[in-house]
Amino acid sequence: MTLSSLFQRPALTTIISGGVTDSVITSSPAILMGFYPGGVEGAGINWDCYVSIKSGTTELLAFRNIFQSGFSVPPASINSNGIDCPNGIKVTVSGIDPQYLANSRLTINYILK
């Protein structure tokens, strides 16, 4: 399969809400195209959580997601070729305060191979 034929496939989107441990986005081989961290608008609180994106057991990205309620965050594009995820995509979202996790959201954009 060529890269150009791969990008003719539709992009898929999954939204993760709250605290999750190894939530399987897809178990099929995929290309991670981007992600959009954020939270519930108007929740009245800030949110602070840690995000880990993995392919199988290999961590691809890890970051701390700190945002103030009412602020929007631009989508984070990985790069024009994406990140190869031969063992699917898993996401873990964790935090200290359950109030933060209850209002956290993470949108994942990917293409199945």
N, C-alpha and C. Protein backbone atom coordinates (compact mmCIF):
# COMPACT_ATOMS: atom_id res chain seq x y z
N MET A 1 0.85 -1.17 0.00
CA MET A 1 0.00 0.00 0.00
C MET A 1 0.90 1.24 0.00
N THR A 2 0.64 2.15 -0.91
CA THR A 2 1.43 3.37 -0.96
C THR A 2 0.87 4.40 0.02
N LEU A 3 1.71 5.36 0.36
CA LEU A 3 1.27 6.41 1.29
C LEU A 3 0.11 7.19 0.70
N SER A 4 0.13 7.47 -0.60
CA SER A 4 -0.96 8.24 -1.20
C SER A 4 -2.28 7.47 -1.15
N SER A 5 -2.23 6.15 -1.34
CA SER A 5 -3.48 5.37 -1.26
C SER A 5 -3.98 5.28 0.18
N LEU A 6 -3.05 5.27 1.13
CA LEU A 6 -3.44 5.25 2.53
C LEU A 6 -4.21 6.50 2.91
N PHE A 7 -3.76 7.66 2.43
CA PHE A 7 -4.40 8.93 2.79
C PHE A 7 -5.71 9.16 2.05
N GLN A 8 -6.07 8.26 1.15
CA GLN A 8 -7.38 8.35 0.51
C GLN A 8 -8.45 7.68 1.37
N ARG A 9 -8.04 7.00 2.42
CA ARG A 9 -8.99 6.39 3.36
C ARG A 9 -9.54 7.46 4.29
N PRO A 10 -10.74 7.26 4.80
CA PRO A 10 -11.30 8.27 5.71
C PRO A 10 -10.59 8.27 7.07
N ALA A 11 -10.39 9.45 7.60
CA ALA A 11 -9.83 9.57 8.95
C ALA A 11 -10.91 9.20 9.96
N LEU A 12 -10.51 8.58 11.03
CA LEU A 12 -11.43 8.19 12.10
C LEU A 12 -11.14 9.04 13.32
N THR A 13 -12.15 9.25 14.13
CA THR A 13 -12.02 10.08 15.33
C THR A 13 -12.61 9.34 16.51
N THR A 14 -11.89 9.35 17.63
CA THR A 14 -12.38 8.79 18.89
C THR A 14 -12.19 9.82 19.98
N ILE A 15 -13.17 9.96 20.86
CA ILE A 15 -13.07 10.88 21.99
C ILE A 15 -13.02 10.08 23.27
N ILE A 16 -12.00 10.35 24.07
CA ILE A 16 -11.83 9.72 25.38
C ILE A 16 -12.29 10.72 26.44
N SER A 17 -13.13 10.29 27.34
CA SER A 17 -13.62 11.15 28.41
C SER A 17 -13.23 10.59 29.76
N GLY A 18 -12.81 11.48 30.65
CA GLY A 18 -12.50 11.07 32.02
C GLY A 18 -11.24 10.24 32.10
N GLY A 19 -11.00 9.67 33.25
CA GLY A 19 -9.81 8.86 33.48
C GLY A 19 -9.98 7.47 32.91
N VAL A 20 -9.03 7.04 32.11
CA VAL A 20 -9.06 5.70 31.53
C VAL A 20 -7.67 5.09 31.62
N THR A 21 -7.60 3.77 31.70
CA THR A 21 -6.32 3.07 31.69
C THR A 21 -6.28 2.15 30.49
N ASP A 22 -5.33 2.38 29.62
CA ASP A 22 -5.16 1.57 28.41
C ASP A 22 -6.47 1.37 27.66
N SER A 23 -7.15 2.46 27.38
CA SER A 23 -8.36 2.41 26.57
C SER A 23 -7.94 2.13 25.12
N VAL A 24 -8.46 1.06 24.55
CA VAL A 24 -8.08 0.67 23.19
C VAL A 24 -8.87 1.52 22.19
N ILE A 25 -8.14 2.33 21.45
CA ILE A 25 -8.77 3.11 20.37
C ILE A 25 -9.00 2.20 19.18
N THR A 26 -7.97 1.45 18.82
CA THR A 26 -8.07 0.41 17.81
C THR A 26 -6.99 -0.63 18.08
N SER A 27 -7.31 -1.89 17.84
CA SER A 27 -6.29 -2.92 17.97
C SER A 27 -5.69 -3.26 16.62
N SER A 28 -6.23 -2.65 15.57
CA SER A 28 -5.70 -2.84 14.22
C SER A 28 -4.53 -1.90 13.98
N PRO A 29 -3.62 -2.26 13.08
CA PRO A 29 -2.54 -1.34 12.71
C PRO A 29 -3.13 -0.03 12.20
N ALA A 30 -2.55 1.08 12.62
CA ALA A 30 -3.09 2.39 12.27
C ALA A 30 -1.98 3.42 12.16
N ILE A 31 -2.34 4.59 11.68
CA ILE A 31 -1.44 5.74 11.66
C ILE A 31 -2.10 6.84 12.48
N LEU A 32 -1.42 7.26 13.54
CA LEU A 32 -1.90 8.34 14.40
C LEU A 32 -1.64 9.65 13.68
N MET A 33 -2.71 10.41 13.41
CA MET A 33 -2.58 11.65 12.65
C MET A 33 -2.54 12.88 13.54
N GLY A 34 -3.19 12.83 14.69
CA GLY A 34 -3.20 14.00 15.56
C GLY A 34 -4.07 13.76 16.77
N PHE A 35 -4.07 14.74 17.66
CA PHE A 35 -4.89 14.64 18.86
C PHE A 35 -5.28 16.05 19.30
N TYR A 36 -6.33 16.13 20.08
CA TYR A 36 -6.87 17.41 20.53
C TYR A 36 -7.21 17.28 22.01
N PRO A 37 -6.31 17.73 22.89
CA PRO A 37 -6.62 17.68 24.33
C PRO A 37 -7.51 18.85 24.72
N GLY A 38 -8.33 18.65 25.69
CA GLY A 38 -9.20 19.73 26.14
C GLY A 38 -10.05 19.30 27.31
N GLY A 39 -11.13 20.00 27.51
CA GLY A 39 -12.01 19.69 28.62
C GLY A 39 -13.41 20.19 28.36
N VAL A 40 -14.27 19.99 29.32
CA VAL A 40 -15.66 20.39 29.18
C VAL A 40 -15.76 21.90 29.32
N GLU A 41 -16.30 22.54 28.32
CA GLU A 41 -16.48 23.99 28.32
C GLU A 41 -17.47 24.39 29.39
N GLY A 42 -17.14 25.41 30.15
CA GLY A 42 -18.04 25.91 31.16
C GLY A 42 -18.13 25.06 32.40
N ALA A 43 -17.18 24.14 32.57
CA ALA A 43 -17.22 23.28 33.75
C ALA A 43 -16.90 24.06 35.02
N GLY A 44 -16.30 25.24 34.86
CA GLY A 44 -16.04 26.08 36.01
C GLY A 44 -14.78 25.72 36.78
N ILE A 45 -14.05 24.72 36.28
CA ILE A 45 -12.80 24.36 36.94
C ILE A 45 -11.70 24.22 35.89
N ASN A 46 -10.47 24.24 36.33
CA ASN A 46 -9.36 23.92 35.46
C ASN A 46 -9.18 22.40 35.48
N TRP A 47 -8.50 21.86 34.50
CA TRP A 47 -8.23 20.44 34.56
C TRP A 47 -6.74 20.21 34.36
N ASP A 48 -6.26 19.19 35.01
CA ASP A 48 -4.85 18.85 35.04
C ASP A 48 -4.76 17.34 35.01
N CYS A 49 -4.29 16.78 33.90
CA CYS A 49 -4.19 15.34 33.81
C CYS A 49 -2.99 14.95 32.96
N TYR A 50 -2.62 13.69 33.04
CA TYR A 50 -1.50 13.14 32.30
C TYR A 50 -2.04 12.20 31.23
N VAL A 51 -1.47 12.30 30.02
CA VAL A 51 -1.93 11.50 28.90
C VAL A 51 -0.76 10.70 28.35
N SER A 52 -1.00 9.43 28.07
CA SER A 52 -0.02 8.56 27.44
C SER A 52 -0.68 7.90 26.24
N ILE A 53 -0.06 8.01 25.07
CA ILE A 53 -0.56 7.36 23.86
C ILE A 53 0.45 6.27 23.49
N LYS A 54 -0.04 5.04 23.32
CA LYS A 54 0.83 3.89 23.08
C LYS A 54 0.40 3.13 21.83
N SER A 55 1.36 2.40 21.26
CA SER A 55 1.07 1.38 20.26
C SER A 55 1.48 0.07 20.91
N GLY A 56 0.51 -0.75 21.26
CA GLY A 56 0.80 -1.94 22.07
C GLY A 56 1.28 -1.49 23.43
N THR A 57 2.48 -1.92 23.82
CA THR A 57 3.05 -1.49 25.10
C THR A 57 4.08 -0.38 24.93
N THR A 58 4.36 0.03 23.69
CA THR A 58 5.36 1.06 23.42
C THR A 58 4.73 2.45 23.51
N GLU A 59 5.24 3.27 24.41
CA GLU A 59 4.72 4.63 24.56
C GLU A 59 5.24 5.49 23.41
N LEU A 60 4.31 6.14 22.71
CA LEU A 60 4.65 7.01 21.59
C LEU A 60 4.74 8.47 22.03
N LEU A 61 3.80 8.88 22.86
CA LEU A 61 3.72 10.26 23.34
C LEU A 61 3.25 10.27 24.78
N ALA A 62 3.77 11.20 25.54
CA ALA A 62 3.28 11.40 26.91
C ALA A 62 3.33 12.89 27.19
N PHE A 63 2.27 13.43 27.75
CA PHE A 63 2.24 14.85 28.04
C PHE A 63 1.29 15.15 29.19
N ARG A 64 1.50 16.30 29.78
CA ARG A 64 0.61 16.80 30.83
C ARG A 64 -0.36 17.77 30.19
N ASN A 65 -1.62 17.59 30.45
CA ASN A 65 -2.69 18.38 29.86
C ASN A 65 -3.22 19.33 30.93
N ILE A 66 -2.82 20.60 30.86
CA ILE A 66 -3.28 21.60 31.84
C ILE A 66 -3.99 22.71 31.08
N PHE A 67 -5.26 22.90 31.36
CA PHE A 67 -6.01 23.94 30.69
C PHE A 67 -6.96 24.61 31.66
N GLN A 68 -7.26 25.84 31.38
CA GLN A 68 -8.23 26.57 32.21
C GLN A 68 -9.59 26.48 31.54
N SER A 69 -10.61 26.35 32.34
CA SER A 69 -11.96 26.27 31.82
C SER A 69 -12.27 27.52 30.99
N GLY A 70 -12.85 27.31 29.83
CA GLY A 70 -13.22 28.43 28.97
C GLY A 70 -12.20 28.74 27.90
N PHE A 71 -11.01 28.12 27.95
CA PHE A 71 -10.00 28.35 26.93
C PHE A 71 -10.02 27.21 25.94
N SER A 72 -9.89 27.55 24.66
CA SER A 72 -9.84 26.49 23.65
C SER A 72 -8.38 26.17 23.34
N VAL A 73 -8.16 24.98 22.87
CA VAL A 73 -6.82 24.51 22.56
C VAL A 73 -6.78 24.10 21.10
N PRO A 74 -5.78 24.56 20.34
CA PRO A 74 -5.71 24.16 18.93
C PRO A 74 -5.38 22.68 18.80
N PRO A 75 -5.84 22.05 17.72
CA PRO A 75 -5.51 20.64 17.51
C PRO A 75 -4.00 20.46 17.41
N ALA A 76 -3.50 19.38 17.92
CA ALA A 76 -2.08 19.06 17.83
C ALA A 76 -1.89 18.06 16.71
N SER A 77 -1.29 18.50 15.63
CA SER A 77 -1.04 17.62 14.50
C SER A 77 0.33 16.98 14.70
N ILE A 78 0.41 15.70 14.51
CA ILE A 78 1.66 14.98 14.72
C ILE A 78 2.69 15.41 13.68
N ASN A 79 2.45 15.11 12.45
CA ASN A 79 3.23 15.57 11.30
C ASN A 79 2.49 15.11 10.05
N SER A 80 2.98 15.48 8.89
CA SER A 80 2.22 15.19 7.68
C SER A 80 2.13 13.70 7.38
N ASN A 81 3.05 12.89 7.91
CA ASN A 81 3.02 11.45 7.66
C ASN A 81 2.40 10.67 8.80
N GLY A 82 2.13 11.32 9.92
CA GLY A 82 1.57 10.62 11.07
C GLY A 82 2.62 9.77 11.78
N ILE A 83 2.17 9.02 12.78
CA ILE A 83 3.04 8.10 13.51
C ILE A 83 2.50 6.69 13.31
N ASP A 84 3.38 5.81 12.85
CA ASP A 84 2.99 4.42 12.61
C ASP A 84 2.68 3.73 13.93
N CYS A 85 1.54 3.07 14.00
CA CYS A 85 1.11 2.33 15.19
C CYS A 85 0.80 0.90 14.77
N PRO A 86 1.84 0.07 14.59
CA PRO A 86 1.61 -1.28 14.08
C PRO A 86 0.82 -2.17 15.03
N ASN A 87 0.82 -1.84 16.32
CA ASN A 87 0.09 -2.64 17.31
C ASN A 87 -1.15 -1.93 17.81
N GLY A 88 -1.77 -1.10 16.98
CA GLY A 88 -2.97 -0.38 17.38
C GLY A 88 -2.64 0.85 18.21
N ILE A 89 -3.67 1.46 18.78
CA ILE A 89 -3.50 2.68 19.58
C ILE A 89 -4.24 2.51 20.90
N LYS A 90 -3.52 2.78 21.99
CA LYS A 90 -4.10 2.76 23.34
C LYS A 90 -3.85 4.12 23.97
N VAL A 91 -4.76 4.54 24.84
CA VAL A 91 -4.62 5.81 25.53
C VAL A 91 -4.85 5.61 27.02
N THR A 92 -4.02 6.24 27.83
CA THR A 92 -4.23 6.28 29.27
C THR A 92 -4.32 7.74 29.68
N VAL A 93 -5.35 8.09 30.42
CA VAL A 93 -5.52 9.44 30.96
C VAL A 93 -5.64 9.30 32.47
N SER A 94 -4.76 9.98 33.20
CA SER A 94 -4.79 9.89 34.66
C SER A 94 -4.57 11.28 35.26
N GLY A 95 -4.89 11.41 36.53
CA GLY A 95 -4.71 12.68 37.20
C GLY A 95 -4.82 12.51 38.71
N ILE A 96 -4.58 13.59 39.41
CA ILE A 96 -4.61 13.55 40.87
C ILE A 96 -6.02 13.73 41.39
N ASP A 97 -6.74 14.69 40.88
CA ASP A 97 -8.07 15.04 41.37
C ASP A 97 -9.14 14.48 40.44
N PRO A 98 -10.08 13.66 40.94
CA PRO A 98 -11.13 13.10 40.10
C PRO A 98 -11.95 14.18 39.39
N GLN A 99 -12.02 15.36 39.99
CA GLN A 99 -12.75 16.47 39.37
C GLN A 99 -12.11 16.85 38.03
N TYR A 100 -10.78 16.80 37.96
CA TYR A 100 -10.10 17.10 36.70
C TYR A 100 -10.42 16.05 35.65
N LEU A 101 -10.33 14.78 36.05
CA LEU A 101 -10.55 13.70 35.10
C LEU A 101 -11.98 13.68 34.57
N ALA A 102 -12.93 13.99 35.43
CA ALA A 102 -14.33 13.97 35.01
C ALA A 102 -14.59 14.98 33.90
N ASN A 103 -13.81 16.03 33.83
CA ASN A 103 -14.02 17.08 32.83
C ASN A 103 -13.01 17.05 31.69
N SER A 104 -12.11 16.08 31.69
CA SER A 104 -11.09 16.02 30.63
C SER A 104 -11.64 15.32 29.39
N ARG A 105 -11.13 15.71 28.25
CA ARG A 105 -11.47 15.09 26.96
C ARG A 105 -10.20 15.01 26.14
N LEU A 106 -10.09 13.96 25.34
CA LEU A 106 -8.98 13.82 24.41
C LEU A 106 -9.53 13.24 23.11
N THR A 107 -9.37 13.96 22.04
CA THR A 107 -9.82 13.50 20.73
C THR A 107 -8.62 12.97 19.97
N ILE A 108 -8.74 11.77 19.43
CA ILE A 108 -7.67 11.11 18.69
C ILE A 108 -8.11 10.97 17.22
N ASN A 109 -7.25 11.39 16.29
CA ASN A 109 -7.51 11.23 14.86
C ASN A 109 -6.52 10.21 14.29
N TYR A 110 -7.03 9.24 13.55
CA TYR A 110 -6.17 8.17 13.02
C TYR A 110 -6.75 7.61 11.74
N ILE A 111 -5.92 6.86 11.04
CA ILE A 111 -6.32 6.16 9.82
C ILE A 111 -5.93 4.70 9.99
N LEU A 112 -6.84 3.79 9.70
CA LEU A 112 -6.52 2.36 9.74
C LEU A 112 -5.68 1.99 8.53
N LYS A 113 -4.71 1.13 8.74
CA LYS A 113 -3.84 0.68 7.63
C LYS A 113 -4.48 -0.47 6.88
